[in-house]
Amino acid sequence: MPLERVSQSFKDISLSFAKNPLNRDLIGITNEASISRAVQNLVLTQRGERFFNQNLGSDVSASLFENLDLITAAAVKSSVENVIKSYEPRVNLIEVDVNINEEDNSYEVRMLYDIIGIEAQPQQLDFALQQTR
């Protein structure tokens, strides 16, 4: 029988770097919010951006400068699936949907995943991918 990863909780710091008024320490985020932030950061990280792990990241940003069509949306979906399956062992990816938003010239990504190691409902993460230059 394979071993299943069991964990008490997942913790991270808030990217707002706000201080806790009582102990003046950085405010932390836990479990679902922490995993959600990590998943989104993986997708938005460009391959080669991390110094000591040049393969970490996705090719999503390169696809954002292509035409808004179903072929590019499929490439974005494939890139998102590959980076999550390769670099985020805390989640079991269920589904990724990429829809074209022609009004904003962007792609809307909806991910559905289970968190491994804690009792939680399947999580849904929605975000938009848009050109920034």
N, C-alpha and C. Protein backbone atom coordinates (compact mmCIF):
# COMPACT_ATOMS: atom_id res chain seq x y z
N MET A 1 0.85 -1.18 0.00
CA MET A 1 0.00 0.00 0.00
C MET A 1 0.89 1.23 0.00
N PRO A 2 0.67 2.20 -0.91
CA PRO A 2 1.53 3.39 -0.96
C PRO A 2 1.30 4.29 0.25
N LEU A 3 2.35 4.97 0.62
CA LEU A 3 2.25 5.91 1.73
C LEU A 3 1.52 7.16 1.29
N GLU A 4 0.66 7.69 2.16
CA GLU A 4 -0.06 8.92 1.87
C GLU A 4 0.53 10.03 2.71
N ARG A 5 0.73 11.17 2.11
CA ARG A 5 1.30 12.30 2.82
C ARG A 5 0.28 12.85 3.81
N VAL A 6 0.69 12.97 5.05
CA VAL A 6 -0.19 13.49 6.10
C VAL A 6 0.48 14.70 6.72
N SER A 7 -0.27 15.78 6.87
CA SER A 7 0.28 16.99 7.43
C SER A 7 -0.74 17.63 8.35
N GLN A 8 -0.26 18.38 9.33
CA GLN A 8 -1.16 19.08 10.23
C GLN A 8 -1.71 20.34 9.58
N SER A 9 -0.82 21.13 8.99
CA SER A 9 -1.26 22.36 8.33
C SER A 9 -0.15 22.89 7.45
N PHE A 10 -0.50 23.81 6.56
CA PHE A 10 0.44 24.48 5.68
C PHE A 10 0.43 25.95 6.04
N LYS A 11 1.61 26.57 6.11
CA LYS A 11 1.71 27.97 6.51
C LYS A 11 2.58 28.75 5.53
N ASP A 12 2.28 30.03 5.42
CA ASP A 12 3.04 30.94 4.56
C ASP A 12 2.84 32.35 5.11
N ILE A 13 3.60 33.30 4.61
CA ILE A 13 3.40 34.68 5.03
C ILE A 13 2.54 35.41 4.01
N SER A 14 1.84 36.40 4.45
CA SER A 14 1.02 37.21 3.58
C SER A 14 1.90 38.12 2.74
N LEU A 15 1.59 38.24 1.47
CA LEU A 15 2.40 39.09 0.60
C LEU A 15 2.16 40.58 0.83
N SER A 16 1.18 40.92 1.66
CA SER A 16 0.97 42.33 2.00
C SER A 16 2.02 42.80 3.01
N PHE A 17 2.71 41.86 3.66
CA PHE A 17 3.71 42.14 4.69
C PHE A 17 3.15 43.00 5.82
N ALA A 18 1.86 42.83 6.08
CA ALA A 18 1.23 43.56 7.19
C ALA A 18 1.69 42.95 8.51
N LYS A 19 1.76 43.79 9.53
CA LYS A 19 2.19 43.32 10.85
C LYS A 19 1.00 43.02 11.73
N ASN A 20 1.18 42.01 12.56
CA ASN A 20 0.19 41.70 13.58
C ASN A 20 0.30 42.78 14.65
N PRO A 21 -0.80 43.46 15.02
CA PRO A 21 -0.70 44.55 15.99
C PRO A 21 -0.32 44.10 17.40
N LEU A 22 -0.54 42.84 17.71
CA LEU A 22 -0.23 42.37 19.06
C LEU A 22 1.24 42.02 19.25
N ASN A 23 1.81 41.28 18.31
CA ASN A 23 3.20 40.87 18.49
C ASN A 23 4.15 41.44 17.44
N ARG A 24 3.65 42.27 16.57
CA ARG A 24 4.43 42.96 15.53
C ARG A 24 5.16 42.00 14.60
N ASP A 25 4.68 40.77 14.52
CA ASP A 25 5.22 39.79 13.58
C ASP A 25 4.41 39.86 12.29
N LEU A 26 4.94 39.31 11.21
CA LEU A 26 4.21 39.29 9.95
C LEU A 26 2.98 38.41 10.08
N ILE A 27 1.89 38.84 9.43
CA ILE A 27 0.66 38.07 9.44
C ILE A 27 0.85 36.87 8.52
N GLY A 28 0.40 35.73 8.98
CA GLY A 28 0.54 34.51 8.19
C GLY A 28 -0.77 34.07 7.59
N ILE A 29 -0.67 33.23 6.58
CA ILE A 29 -1.84 32.60 6.00
C ILE A 29 -1.63 31.09 6.13
N THR A 30 -2.71 30.35 6.22
CA THR A 30 -2.59 28.91 6.45
C THR A 30 -3.47 28.12 5.49
N ASN A 31 -3.16 26.86 5.41
CA ASN A 31 -3.89 25.83 4.70
C ASN A 31 -4.37 26.23 3.31
N GLU A 32 -5.68 26.39 3.11
CA GLU A 32 -6.23 26.62 1.78
C GLU A 32 -5.68 27.89 1.13
N ALA A 33 -5.59 28.97 1.89
CA ALA A 33 -5.08 30.23 1.34
C ALA A 33 -3.60 30.11 0.97
N SER A 34 -2.84 29.42 1.78
CA SER A 34 -1.42 29.23 1.51
C SER A 34 -1.20 28.41 0.24
N ILE A 35 -1.93 27.34 0.09
CA ILE A 35 -1.81 26.49 -1.10
C ILE A 35 -2.28 27.25 -2.33
N SER A 36 -3.36 27.98 -2.22
CA SER A 36 -3.88 28.76 -3.34
C SER A 36 -2.84 29.77 -3.83
N ARG A 37 -2.19 30.45 -2.89
CA ARG A 37 -1.16 31.42 -3.25
C ARG A 37 0.03 30.73 -3.94
N ALA A 38 0.43 29.56 -3.43
CA ALA A 38 1.55 28.84 -4.01
C ALA A 38 1.24 28.35 -5.43
N VAL A 39 0.02 27.87 -5.64
CA VAL A 39 -0.38 27.40 -6.96
C VAL A 39 -0.38 28.54 -7.96
N GLN A 40 -0.95 29.67 -7.57
CA GLN A 40 -0.99 30.82 -8.47
C GLN A 40 0.42 31.34 -8.76
N ASN A 41 1.28 31.37 -7.76
CA ASN A 41 2.66 31.81 -7.97
C ASN A 41 3.41 30.89 -8.93
N LEU A 42 3.16 29.59 -8.84
CA LEU A 42 3.81 28.66 -9.77
C LEU A 42 3.40 28.94 -11.21
N VAL A 43 2.12 29.19 -11.43
CA VAL A 43 1.64 29.46 -12.78
C VAL A 43 2.22 30.77 -13.31
N LEU A 44 2.33 31.78 -12.46
CA LEU A 44 2.80 33.09 -12.91
C LEU A 44 4.32 33.21 -12.97
N THR A 45 5.04 32.24 -12.42
CA THR A 45 6.49 32.26 -12.47
C THR A 45 6.95 31.81 -13.86
N GLN A 46 7.80 32.61 -14.47
CA GLN A 46 8.33 32.25 -15.78
C GLN A 46 9.45 31.23 -15.63
N ARG A 47 9.51 30.30 -16.57
CA ARG A 47 10.57 29.30 -16.55
C ARG A 47 11.92 30.02 -16.65
N GLY A 48 12.85 29.66 -15.76
CA GLY A 48 14.17 30.29 -15.74
C GLY A 48 14.27 31.48 -14.80
N GLU A 49 13.18 31.86 -14.18
CA GLU A 49 13.15 33.03 -13.30
C GLU A 49 13.79 32.75 -11.93
N ARG A 50 13.74 31.51 -11.47
CA ARG A 50 14.32 31.14 -10.18
C ARG A 50 15.78 30.73 -10.40
N PHE A 51 16.68 31.33 -9.66
CA PHE A 51 18.11 31.13 -9.89
C PHE A 51 18.57 29.69 -9.72
N PHE A 52 18.16 29.03 -8.67
CA PHE A 52 18.69 27.71 -8.39
C PHE A 52 17.82 26.57 -8.90
N ASN A 53 16.74 26.91 -9.57
CA ASN A 53 15.90 25.91 -10.21
C ASN A 53 15.38 26.50 -11.51
N GLN A 54 16.17 26.40 -12.55
CA GLN A 54 15.86 27.03 -13.83
C GLN A 54 14.65 26.41 -14.52
N ASN A 55 14.27 25.21 -14.16
CA ASN A 55 13.13 24.54 -14.80
C ASN A 55 11.81 24.87 -14.12
N LEU A 56 11.84 25.45 -12.93
CA LEU A 56 10.62 25.78 -12.20
C LEU A 56 9.89 26.91 -12.91
N GLY A 57 8.61 26.75 -13.09
CA GLY A 57 7.79 27.79 -13.70
C GLY A 57 7.05 27.27 -14.92
N SER A 58 6.32 28.16 -15.55
CA SER A 58 5.52 27.78 -16.72
C SER A 58 5.83 28.69 -17.89
N ASP A 59 5.32 28.29 -19.05
CA ASP A 59 5.49 29.08 -20.27
C ASP A 59 4.24 29.88 -20.58
N VAL A 60 3.43 30.14 -19.58
CA VAL A 60 2.17 30.84 -19.78
C VAL A 60 2.40 32.26 -20.31
N SER A 61 3.38 32.96 -19.77
CA SER A 61 3.58 34.36 -20.17
C SER A 61 3.93 34.48 -21.64
N ALA A 62 4.62 33.52 -22.21
CA ALA A 62 4.94 33.56 -23.64
C ALA A 62 3.68 33.39 -24.48
N SER A 63 2.72 32.63 -24.00
CA SER A 63 1.48 32.41 -24.75
C SER A 63 0.56 33.62 -24.73
N LEU A 64 0.75 34.51 -23.78
CA LEU A 64 -0.15 35.67 -23.67
C LEU A 64 0.03 36.67 -24.80
N PHE A 65 1.14 36.59 -25.53
CA PHE A 65 1.38 37.51 -26.63
C PHE A 65 0.99 36.90 -27.97
N GLU A 66 0.41 35.72 -27.94
CA GLU A 66 -0.11 35.09 -29.15
C GLU A 66 -1.56 35.53 -29.36
N ASN A 67 -2.13 35.12 -30.49
CA ASN A 67 -3.52 35.44 -30.77
C ASN A 67 -4.44 34.78 -29.75
N LEU A 68 -5.54 35.46 -29.44
CA LEU A 68 -6.55 34.87 -28.55
C LEU A 68 -7.37 33.88 -29.36
N ASP A 69 -7.03 32.60 -29.24
CA ASP A 69 -7.77 31.57 -29.95
C ASP A 69 -7.75 30.29 -29.14
N LEU A 70 -8.47 29.30 -29.62
CA LEU A 70 -8.59 28.04 -28.89
C LEU A 70 -7.27 27.27 -28.82
N ILE A 71 -6.42 27.42 -29.82
CA ILE A 71 -5.13 26.73 -29.83
C ILE A 71 -4.24 27.28 -28.72
N THR A 72 -4.19 28.59 -28.58
CA THR A 72 -3.39 29.19 -27.52
C THR A 72 -3.99 28.90 -26.15
N ALA A 73 -5.32 28.89 -26.05
CA ALA A 73 -5.97 28.54 -24.79
C ALA A 73 -5.62 27.11 -24.38
N ALA A 74 -5.54 26.20 -25.34
CA ALA A 74 -5.15 24.82 -25.04
C ALA A 74 -3.69 24.76 -24.60
N ALA A 75 -2.83 25.59 -25.19
CA ALA A 75 -1.42 25.63 -24.78
C ALA A 75 -1.29 26.17 -23.35
N VAL A 76 -2.07 27.18 -23.01
CA VAL A 76 -2.07 27.73 -21.65
C VAL A 76 -2.54 26.66 -20.67
N LYS A 77 -3.60 25.96 -21.01
CA LYS A 77 -4.13 24.90 -20.15
C LYS A 77 -3.08 23.82 -19.92
N SER A 78 -2.42 23.39 -20.98
CA SER A 78 -1.39 22.36 -20.87
C SER A 78 -0.23 22.82 -20.00
N SER A 79 0.18 24.07 -20.16
CA SER A 79 1.28 24.61 -19.37
C SER A 79 0.92 24.67 -17.89
N VAL A 80 -0.31 25.09 -17.59
CA VAL A 80 -0.78 25.16 -16.20
C VAL A 80 -0.81 23.76 -15.59
N GLU A 81 -1.36 22.80 -16.31
CA GLU A 81 -1.42 21.43 -15.81
C GLU A 81 -0.03 20.86 -15.55
N ASN A 82 0.89 21.09 -16.47
CA ASN A 82 2.25 20.54 -16.33
C ASN A 82 2.98 21.12 -15.12
N VAL A 83 2.90 22.43 -14.91
CA VAL A 83 3.64 23.04 -13.81
C VAL A 83 3.06 22.61 -12.46
N ILE A 84 1.75 22.48 -12.36
CA ILE A 84 1.15 22.08 -11.09
C ILE A 84 1.47 20.61 -10.79
N LYS A 85 1.33 19.75 -11.78
CA LYS A 85 1.62 18.33 -11.57
C LYS A 85 3.10 18.09 -11.28
N SER A 86 3.98 18.92 -11.82
CA SER A 86 5.41 18.72 -11.64
C SER A 86 5.96 19.31 -10.35
N TYR A 87 5.42 20.46 -9.90
CA TYR A 87 6.06 21.20 -8.83
C TYR A 87 5.20 21.44 -7.59
N GLU A 88 3.97 20.97 -7.56
CA GLU A 88 3.15 21.18 -6.37
C GLU A 88 2.61 19.84 -5.88
N PRO A 89 3.39 19.13 -5.04
CA PRO A 89 2.97 17.81 -4.58
C PRO A 89 1.85 17.85 -3.54
N ARG A 90 1.49 19.02 -3.04
CA ARG A 90 0.46 19.12 -2.01
C ARG A 90 -0.95 19.11 -2.58
N VAL A 91 -1.08 19.16 -3.92
CA VAL A 91 -2.41 19.19 -4.52
C VAL A 91 -2.57 18.06 -5.53
N ASN A 92 -3.81 17.64 -5.67
CA ASN A 92 -4.21 16.69 -6.71
C ASN A 92 -5.10 17.47 -7.67
N LEU A 93 -4.59 17.76 -8.83
CA LEU A 93 -5.30 18.58 -9.81
C LEU A 93 -6.45 17.79 -10.40
N ILE A 94 -7.66 18.36 -10.31
CA ILE A 94 -8.85 17.70 -10.83
C ILE A 94 -9.18 18.22 -12.22
N GLU A 95 -9.18 19.54 -12.37
CA GLU A 95 -9.62 20.12 -13.64
C GLU A 95 -9.02 21.51 -13.82
N VAL A 96 -8.71 21.84 -15.07
CA VAL A 96 -8.27 23.19 -15.44
C VAL A 96 -9.10 23.62 -16.64
N ASP A 97 -9.75 24.77 -16.53
CA ASP A 97 -10.49 25.36 -17.64
C ASP A 97 -9.87 26.70 -17.98
N VAL A 98 -9.66 26.93 -19.27
CA VAL A 98 -9.13 28.22 -19.74
C VAL A 98 -10.12 28.76 -20.75
N ASN A 99 -10.68 29.93 -20.44
CA ASN A 99 -11.66 30.58 -21.32
C ASN A 99 -11.10 31.89 -21.84
N ILE A 100 -11.46 32.22 -23.05
CA ILE A 100 -11.01 33.45 -23.69
C ILE A 100 -11.94 34.59 -23.30
N ASN A 101 -11.36 35.72 -22.87
CA ASN A 101 -12.11 36.93 -22.58
C ASN A 101 -11.65 37.98 -23.58
N GLU A 102 -12.39 38.11 -24.67
CA GLU A 102 -11.98 39.02 -25.75
C GLU A 102 -12.09 40.49 -25.35
N GLU A 103 -13.01 40.82 -24.45
CA GLU A 103 -13.17 42.22 -24.03
C GLU A 103 -11.93 42.74 -23.32
N ASP A 104 -11.34 41.90 -22.45
CA ASP A 104 -10.15 42.31 -21.69
C ASP A 104 -8.86 41.82 -22.31
N ASN A 105 -8.97 41.12 -23.46
CA ASN A 105 -7.79 40.56 -24.13
C ASN A 105 -6.99 39.69 -23.15
N SER A 106 -7.70 38.74 -22.52
CA SER A 106 -7.07 37.91 -21.50
C SER A 106 -7.67 36.50 -21.52
N TYR A 107 -7.07 35.65 -20.73
CA TYR A 107 -7.59 34.30 -20.51
C TYR A 107 -8.04 34.20 -19.06
N GLU A 108 -9.20 33.61 -18.84
CA GLU A 108 -9.69 33.36 -17.49
C GLU A 108 -9.44 31.90 -17.17
N VAL A 109 -8.69 31.66 -16.10
CA VAL A 109 -8.30 30.31 -15.71
C VAL A 109 -9.08 29.92 -14.46
N ARG A 110 -9.68 28.72 -14.51
CA ARG A 110 -10.37 28.16 -13.35
C ARG A 110 -9.76 26.80 -13.08
N MET A 111 -9.24 26.65 -11.86
CA MET A 111 -8.62 25.39 -11.47
C MET A 111 -9.42 24.77 -10.34
N LEU A 112 -9.56 23.47 -10.37
CA LEU A 112 -10.21 22.73 -9.31
C LEU A 112 -9.23 21.67 -8.84
N TYR A 113 -8.95 21.63 -7.53
CA TYR A 113 -7.96 20.69 -7.00
C TYR A 113 -8.30 20.30 -5.57
N ASP A 114 -7.78 19.14 -5.19
CA ASP A 114 -7.87 18.65 -3.81
C ASP A 114 -6.53 18.91 -3.13
N ILE A 115 -6.58 19.25 -1.84
CA ILE A 115 -5.35 19.41 -1.06
C ILE A 115 -5.05 18.08 -0.38
N ILE A 116 -3.85 17.59 -0.58
CA ILE A 116 -3.42 16.32 0.00
C ILE A 116 -2.90 16.58 1.41
N GLY A 117 -3.39 15.84 2.38
CA GLY A 117 -2.87 15.92 3.73
C GLY A 117 -3.76 16.62 4.73
N ILE A 118 -4.80 17.31 4.28
CA ILE A 118 -5.75 17.92 5.22
C ILE A 118 -7.16 17.61 4.74
N GLU A 119 -8.07 17.63 5.68
CA GLU A 119 -9.47 17.41 5.35
C GLU A 119 -10.06 18.74 4.87
N ALA A 120 -10.28 18.85 3.57
CA ALA A 120 -10.86 20.07 3.01
C ALA A 120 -11.66 19.71 1.77
N GLN A 121 -12.63 20.53 1.48
CA GLN A 121 -13.41 20.37 0.25
C GLN A 121 -12.50 20.67 -0.94
N PRO A 122 -12.86 20.19 -2.14
CA PRO A 122 -12.09 20.58 -3.32
C PRO A 122 -12.06 22.11 -3.45
N GLN A 123 -10.90 22.62 -3.77
CA GLN A 123 -10.69 24.07 -3.84
C GLN A 123 -10.80 24.55 -5.28
N GLN A 124 -11.36 25.74 -5.46
CA GLN A 124 -11.45 26.36 -6.78
C GLN A 124 -10.65 27.65 -6.75
N LEU A 125 -9.80 27.82 -7.75
CA LEU A 125 -8.98 29.02 -7.87
C LEU A 125 -9.26 29.64 -9.22
N ASP A 126 -9.68 30.91 -9.23
CA ASP A 126 -9.97 31.65 -10.45
C ASP A 126 -9.04 32.85 -10.55
N PHE A 127 -8.42 33.03 -11.72
CA PHE A 127 -7.61 34.21 -11.94
C PHE A 127 -7.52 34.47 -13.44
N ALA A 128 -7.13 35.69 -13.79
CA ALA A 128 -7.03 36.09 -15.19
C ALA A 128 -5.56 36.22 -15.57
N LEU A 129 -5.25 35.79 -16.79
CA LEU A 129 -3.91 35.94 -17.34
C LEU A 129 -4.00 36.97 -18.46
N GLN A 130 -3.20 38.04 -18.32
CA GLN A 130 -3.27 39.14 -19.26
C GLN A 130 -1.88 39.66 -19.57
N GLN A 131 -1.69 40.18 -20.78
CA GLN A 131 -0.39 40.76 -21.14
C GLN A 131 -0.07 41.92 -20.21
N THR A 132 1.20 42.06 -19.84
CA THR A 132 1.58 43.15 -18.97
C THR A 132 2.52 44.13 -19.62
N ARG A 133 2.98 43.85 -20.81
CA ARG A 133 3.89 44.78 -21.50
C ARG A 133 3.28 45.31 -22.75
